[in-house]
């Protein structure tokens, strides 16, 4: 590491987290793409790498054990949980999140092959090696916080949205609005919420999408049309701005009318052009 002189300030401090602004953007995204109709919260995730920061977090710790994806599902319903390794009962999640190291059975592909999801043990191993996972990095995760994004009083690391395909499209359009750079989607129908939607955007710094996996669909009983989007928190504000900016060009008149009503119900005005409808004759 570079030498740090104790009497010199390096760089600029991070801006304080504006929880009110975050809540406004959460509300705007929910109304713009209709997440509010599904009564699902947009979720934030924060990683802790030491006991001091974890203990300073006042949110309740999970009682007993549950899978990480179940924690996300509960956060979609408004719950807040922090957790450590002993609170998790899925080793796919614990390795993906860096709470513990992996083992030879998992990394060799034997565990994946035992699920009868791959035609050969070598295919299972290739899939395992392609799954992005924090356990492969040096730092060990001390704990994790999962709760509604609007309730964070300090900046989270990630944002997770459980959405339908249309809403996922709108999030992607908002994400690419500023610079036109396509996200490099990493998807395999395996370890959906822990790897594809949490570890992947955390490692790559980019938006990722997932069609979920058999485990989370079984444990969380998601509807068949549900998929997920995950992004670094630092990309959240510009993505929401992009979603709102592209409503006129993307949404049909009937959707625009719904969006206007949703915004108006919360005392907000959204000047959309109802005559600008690409589906009009």
Protein backbone atom coordinates (compact mmCIF):
# COMPACT_ATOMS: atom_id res chain seq x y z
CA UNK A 1 0.00 0.00 0.00
CA UNK A 2 1.15 3.62 -0.59
CA UNK A 3 2.63 5.41 2.38
CA UNK A 4 0.17 7.65 4.27
CA UNK A 5 1.60 10.53 6.29
CA UNK A 6 -0.41 10.98 9.51
CA UNK A 7 -0.52 14.79 9.12
CA UNK A 8 -1.71 14.90 5.52
CA UNK A 9 -5.32 14.60 4.35
CA UNK A 10 -5.59 12.50 1.21
CA UNK A 11 -8.39 13.09 -1.27
CA UNK A 12 -11.82 14.41 -0.42
CA UNK A 13 -14.24 12.93 2.11
CA UNK A 14 -17.30 11.16 0.79
CA UNK A 15 -20.49 13.20 0.65
CA UNK A 16 -22.87 12.54 3.50
CA UNK A 17 -25.63 10.11 2.57
CA UNK A 18 -28.83 12.03 1.78
CA UNK A 19 -31.52 9.64 2.99
CA UNK A 20 -34.34 12.03 2.05
CA UNK A 21 -33.08 12.32 -1.53
CA UNK A 22 -32.66 8.56 -1.74
CA UNK A 23 -36.24 8.05 -0.57
CA UNK A 24 -37.44 10.50 -3.24
CA UNK A 25 -35.60 8.62 -5.96
CA UNK A 26 -36.90 5.29 -4.67
CA UNK A 27 -40.44 6.63 -4.86
CA UNK A 28 -39.89 8.03 -8.36
CA UNK A 29 -38.57 4.71 -9.67
CA UNK A 30 -41.39 2.78 -8.04
CA UNK A 31 -43.98 5.05 -9.65
CA UNK A 32 -42.24 5.34 -13.01
CA UNK A 33 -42.16 1.59 -13.67
CA UNK A 34 -44.99 0.41 -11.42
CA UNK A 35 -43.11 -1.38 -8.66
CA UNK A 36 -45.43 0.36 -6.19
CA UNK A 37 -48.39 -1.60 -7.65
CA UNK A 38 -46.70 -4.86 -6.69
CA UNK A 39 -46.18 -3.69 -3.10
CA UNK A 40 -42.50 -4.62 -3.21
CA UNK A 41 -39.83 -2.39 -1.72
CA UNK A 42 -36.59 -1.59 -3.51
CA UNK A 43 -33.85 -3.17 -1.38
CA UNK A 44 -30.42 -1.98 -0.31
CA UNK A 45 -27.48 -4.14 0.78
CA UNK A 46 -24.43 -3.15 2.80
CA UNK A 47 -21.33 -5.23 3.54
CA UNK A 48 -19.45 -5.01 6.84
CA UNK A 49 -15.81 -6.01 7.06
CA UNK A 50 -15.18 -5.47 10.77
CA UNK A 51 -16.98 -6.03 14.06
CA UNK A 52 -16.99 -2.36 15.05
CA UNK A 53 -19.06 -1.24 12.07
CA UNK A 54 -21.35 -4.26 12.34
CA UNK A 55 -22.03 -3.70 16.03
CA UNK A 56 -22.71 0.00 15.39
CA UNK A 57 -25.57 -0.97 13.07
CA UNK A 58 -28.79 -0.79 15.08
CA UNK A 59 -30.89 -3.01 12.83
CA UNK A 60 -31.93 -6.35 14.34
CA UNK A 61 -29.85 -9.44 13.71
CA UNK A 62 -31.55 -12.44 12.16
CA UNK A 63 -32.87 -14.81 14.81
CA UNK A 64 -31.80 -18.32 13.89
CA UNK A 65 -30.93 -19.13 10.28
CA UNK A 66 -32.30 -18.34 6.84
CA UNK A 67 -31.08 -18.15 3.27
CA UNK A 68 -29.80 -14.80 1.98
CA UNK A 69 -32.47 -14.70 -0.74
CA UNK A 70 -35.15 -15.07 1.94
CA UNK A 71 -33.67 -12.03 3.71
CA UNK A 72 -33.99 -10.11 0.44
CA UNK A 73 -37.60 -11.29 0.05
CA UNK A 74 -38.41 -10.09 3.56
CA UNK A 75 -36.72 -6.74 2.86
CA UNK A 76 -39.00 -6.42 -0.17
CA UNK A 77 -41.81 -6.60 2.37
CA UNK A 78 -40.32 -3.87 4.57
CA UNK A 79 -38.20 -5.89 7.00
CA UNK A 80 -34.63 -5.03 8.01
CA UNK A 81 -31.99 -7.59 9.00
CA UNK A 82 -28.29 -7.74 9.65
CA UNK A 83 -26.63 -11.14 9.67
CA UNK A 84 -23.40 -13.02 10.11
CA UNK A 85 -22.23 -16.42 8.90
CA UNK A 86 -24.06 -18.25 11.67
CA UNK A 87 -27.38 -16.75 10.53
CA UNK A 88 -27.18 -18.25 7.01
CA UNK A 89 -28.21 -21.78 6.03
CA UNK A 90 -27.19 -21.79 2.35
CA UNK A 91 -23.51 -22.28 1.50
CA UNK A 92 -24.09 -20.94 -1.99
CA UNK A 93 -24.99 -17.64 -0.37
CA UNK A 94 -22.26 -17.67 2.27
CA UNK A 95 -19.49 -18.21 -0.27
CA UNK A 96 -20.91 -15.77 -2.83
CA UNK A 97 -21.14 -13.10 -0.14
CA UNK A 98 -17.66 -13.82 1.20
CA UNK A 99 -18.85 -14.88 4.65
CA UNK A 100 -16.78 -18.06 4.42
CA UNK A 101 -14.35 -19.80 2.09
CA UNK A 102 -15.48 -22.53 -0.27
CA UNK A 103 -14.40 -26.18 -0.37
CA UNK A 104 -13.15 -28.70 -2.91
CA UNK A 105 -16.55 -30.34 -3.49
CA UNK A 106 -18.08 -27.02 -4.47
CA UNK A 107 -15.17 -25.67 -6.53
CA UNK A 108 -14.62 -28.94 -8.40
CA UNK A 109 -18.20 -28.80 -9.66
CA UNK A 110 -19.21 -31.99 -7.82
CA UNK A 111 -21.89 -30.17 -5.84
CA UNK A 112 -23.36 -28.51 -8.93
CA UNK A 113 -23.24 -31.82 -10.85
CA UNK A 114 -25.20 -33.53 -8.06
CA UNK A 115 -28.17 -31.26 -8.84
CA UNK A 116 -28.60 -32.95 -12.26
CA UNK A 117 -28.59 -29.53 -13.92
CA UNK A 118 -25.51 -30.15 -16.11
CA UNK A 119 -24.73 -32.82 -18.66
CA UNK A 120 -21.26 -33.59 -17.35
CA UNK A 121 -19.08 -32.94 -14.34
CA UNK A 122 -16.82 -30.75 -16.49
CA UNK A 123 -19.79 -28.60 -17.53
CA UNK A 124 -20.74 -28.26 -13.87
CA UNK A 125 -17.19 -27.20 -13.02
CA UNK A 126 -17.14 -24.61 -15.79
CA UNK A 127 -20.39 -23.18 -14.53
CA UNK A 128 -19.05 -23.04 -10.98
CA UNK A 129 -15.91 -21.23 -12.08
CA UNK A 130 -18.00 -18.66 -13.98
CA UNK A 131 -20.10 -17.78 -10.93
CA UNK A 132 -18.76 -14.52 -9.49
CA UNK A 133 -18.19 -14.92 -5.78
CA UNK A 134 -16.64 -12.79 -3.05
CA UNK A 135 -15.03 -15.83 -1.41
CA UNK A 136 -12.38 -15.72 -4.16
CA UNK A 137 -11.22 -12.30 -2.95
CA UNK A 138 -8.87 -11.82 -0.03
CA UNK A 139 -11.20 -9.95 2.35
CA UNK A 140 -13.67 -11.92 4.45
CA UNK A 141 -17.13 -10.40 4.96
CA UNK A 142 -17.93 -9.92 8.65
CA UNK A 143 -21.64 -9.30 8.18
CA UNK A 144 -24.37 -8.04 5.87
CA UNK A 145 -27.28 -5.62 6.18
CA UNK A 146 -30.38 -6.05 4.01
CA UNK A 147 -33.32 -3.64 4.24
CA UNK A 148 -35.51 -1.29 2.19
CA UNK A 149 -33.30 1.20 0.38
CA UNK A 150 -35.34 4.17 1.56
CA UNK A 151 -34.56 3.31 5.19
CA UNK A 152 -30.75 3.49 4.95
CA UNK A 153 -29.21 6.32 6.96
CA UNK A 154 -25.77 5.68 5.41
CA UNK A 155 -24.90 4.72 1.87
CA UNK A 156 -25.47 1.05 1.00
CA UNK A 157 -23.26 -0.84 -1.42
CA UNK A 158 -25.96 -2.22 -3.70
CA UNK A 159 -29.54 -1.77 -4.86
CA UNK A 160 -31.79 -4.73 -5.66
CA UNK A 161 -35.13 -4.57 -7.49
CA UNK A 162 -37.46 -7.55 -7.94
CA UNK A 163 -39.28 -6.81 -11.17
CA UNK A 164 -41.12 -8.19 -14.17
CA UNK A 165 -39.49 -8.27 -17.64
CA UNK A 166 -41.01 -4.94 -18.71
CA UNK A 167 -39.69 -3.22 -15.57
CA UNK A 168 -36.29 -4.81 -16.11
CA UNK A 169 -36.25 -3.36 -19.63
CA UNK A 170 -37.03 0.10 -18.28
CA UNK A 171 -34.25 -0.13 -15.69
CA UNK A 172 -31.77 -1.09 -18.41
CA UNK A 173 -32.93 1.84 -20.54
CA UNK A 174 -32.45 4.18 -17.59
CA UNK A 175 -29.03 2.72 -16.86
CA UNK A 176 -27.68 3.29 -20.38
CA UNK A 177 -29.34 6.72 -20.84
CA UNK A 178 -26.33 8.81 -19.76
CA UNK A 179 -23.42 7.16 -21.54
CA UNK A 180 -24.88 4.52 -23.84
CA UNK A 181 -22.72 1.74 -22.41
CA UNK A 182 -24.42 -1.64 -22.32
CA UNK A 183 -24.07 -3.57 -19.06
CA UNK A 184 -22.20 -6.85 -19.46
CA UNK A 185 -24.93 -9.16 -18.20
CA UNK A 186 -23.71 -12.26 -16.34
CA UNK A 187 -26.49 -14.81 -16.12
CA UNK A 188 -26.70 -18.57 -15.68
CA UNK A 189 -29.85 -19.39 -13.70
CA UNK A 190 -27.66 -20.35 -10.74
CA UNK A 191 -27.17 -18.57 -7.40
CA UNK A 192 -29.40 -15.76 -8.58
CA UNK A 193 -29.73 -13.32 -5.71
CA UNK A 194 -26.48 -14.07 -3.90
CA UNK A 195 -24.15 -14.16 -6.92
CA UNK A 196 -25.86 -12.73 -10.00
CA UNK A 197 -27.62 -9.84 -8.24
CA UNK A 198 -25.33 -9.15 -5.27
CA UNK A 199 -21.75 -10.37 -5.79
CA UNK A 200 -21.69 -9.67 -9.53
CA UNK A 201 -22.61 -5.95 -9.45
CA UNK A 202 -20.46 -5.51 -6.36
CA UNK A 203 -17.41 -6.94 -8.15
CA UNK A 204 -17.99 -5.52 -11.65
CA UNK A 205 -19.46 -2.14 -10.69
CA UNK A 206 -22.19 -2.65 -13.30
CA UNK A 207 -25.90 -3.40 -13.47
CA UNK A 208 -26.75 -7.09 -13.71
CA UNK A 209 -29.99 -8.95 -14.38
CA UNK A 210 -31.13 -12.39 -13.31
CA UNK A 211 -34.03 -14.65 -14.24
CA UNK A 212 -33.56 -16.15 -10.75
CA UNK A 213 -32.68 -19.75 -9.95
CA UNK A 214 -34.56 -22.86 -8.79
CA UNK A 215 -33.45 -22.44 -5.18
CA UNK A 216 -34.73 -18.90 -4.65
CA UNK A 217 -37.93 -19.64 -6.56
CA UNK A 218 -38.59 -22.54 -4.21
CA UNK A 219 -37.53 -20.81 -0.98
CA UNK A 220 -39.16 -17.44 -1.69
CA UNK A 221 -42.07 -18.57 -3.84
CA UNK A 222 -41.58 -15.78 -6.34
CA UNK A 223 -44.24 -15.45 -9.03
CA UNK A 224 -43.26 -16.96 -12.38
CA UNK A 225 -42.83 -13.57 -14.06
CA UNK A 226 -40.44 -12.18 -11.42
CA UNK A 227 -36.80 -11.50 -12.23
CA UNK A 228 -34.23 -9.26 -10.56
CA UNK A 229 -31.96 -6.31 -11.23
CA UNK A 230 -28.96 -5.41 -9.07
CA UNK A 231 -26.65 -2.40 -9.36
CA UNK A 232 -24.04 -0.52 -7.33
CA UNK A 233 -25.66 2.24 -5.29
CA UNK A 234 -23.50 4.85 -7.00
CA UNK A 235 -25.34 4.08 -10.27
CA UNK A 236 -28.82 4.35 -8.73
CA UNK A 237 -29.55 8.08 -9.06
CA UNK A 238 -28.49 8.38 -12.70
CA UNK A 239 -30.44 5.22 -13.54
CA UNK A 240 -33.65 6.62 -12.02
CA UNK A 241 -33.10 9.90 -13.86
CA UNK A 242 -32.67 7.91 -17.08
CA UNK A 243 -35.84 5.93 -16.48
CA UNK A 244 -37.88 9.12 -16.00
CA UNK A 245 -36.23 10.82 -18.97
CA UNK A 246 -37.20 7.99 -21.32
CA UNK A 247 -40.86 7.61 -20.37
CA UNK A 248 -42.08 9.72 -23.30
CA UNK A 249 -40.06 7.72 -25.82
CA UNK A 250 -40.75 4.28 -24.37
CA UNK A 251 -44.12 3.96 -22.69
CA UNK A 252 -47.48 3.62 -24.38
CA UNK A 253 -50.17 6.25 -23.79
CA UNK A 254 -52.07 4.01 -21.38
CA UNK A 255 -48.92 3.51 -19.30
CA UNK A 256 -48.15 7.22 -19.32
CA UNK A 257 -51.64 7.94 -18.02
CA UNK A 258 -51.09 5.46 -15.19
CA UNK A 259 -47.70 7.01 -14.38
CA UNK A 260 -49.18 10.51 -14.28
CA UNK A 261 -51.88 9.31 -11.87
CA UNK A 262 -49.34 7.59 -9.63
CA UNK A 263 -47.17 10.70 -9.43
CA UNK A 264 -50.21 12.95 -8.87
CA UNK A 265 -51.39 10.76 -5.99
CA UNK A 266 -48.16 11.69 -4.21
CA UNK A 267 -48.40 15.38 -5.04
CA UNK A 268 -45.91 15.26 -7.91
CA UNK A 269 -46.34 16.50 -11.45
CA UNK A 270 -44.78 14.76 -14.41
CA UNK A 271 -45.17 16.60 -17.73
CA UNK A 272 -45.58 13.74 -20.19
CA UNK A 273 -46.72 14.10 -23.79
CA UNK A 274 -49.74 11.85 -24.22
CA UNK A 275 -49.78 12.54 -27.96
CA UNK A 276 -46.24 11.18 -28.34
CA UNK A 277 -47.08 7.49 -28.58
CA UNK A 278 -45.01 5.28 -30.89
CA UNK A 279 -47.91 2.81 -31.07
CA UNK A 280 -50.36 5.42 -32.36
CA UNK A 281 -51.69 5.11 -35.90
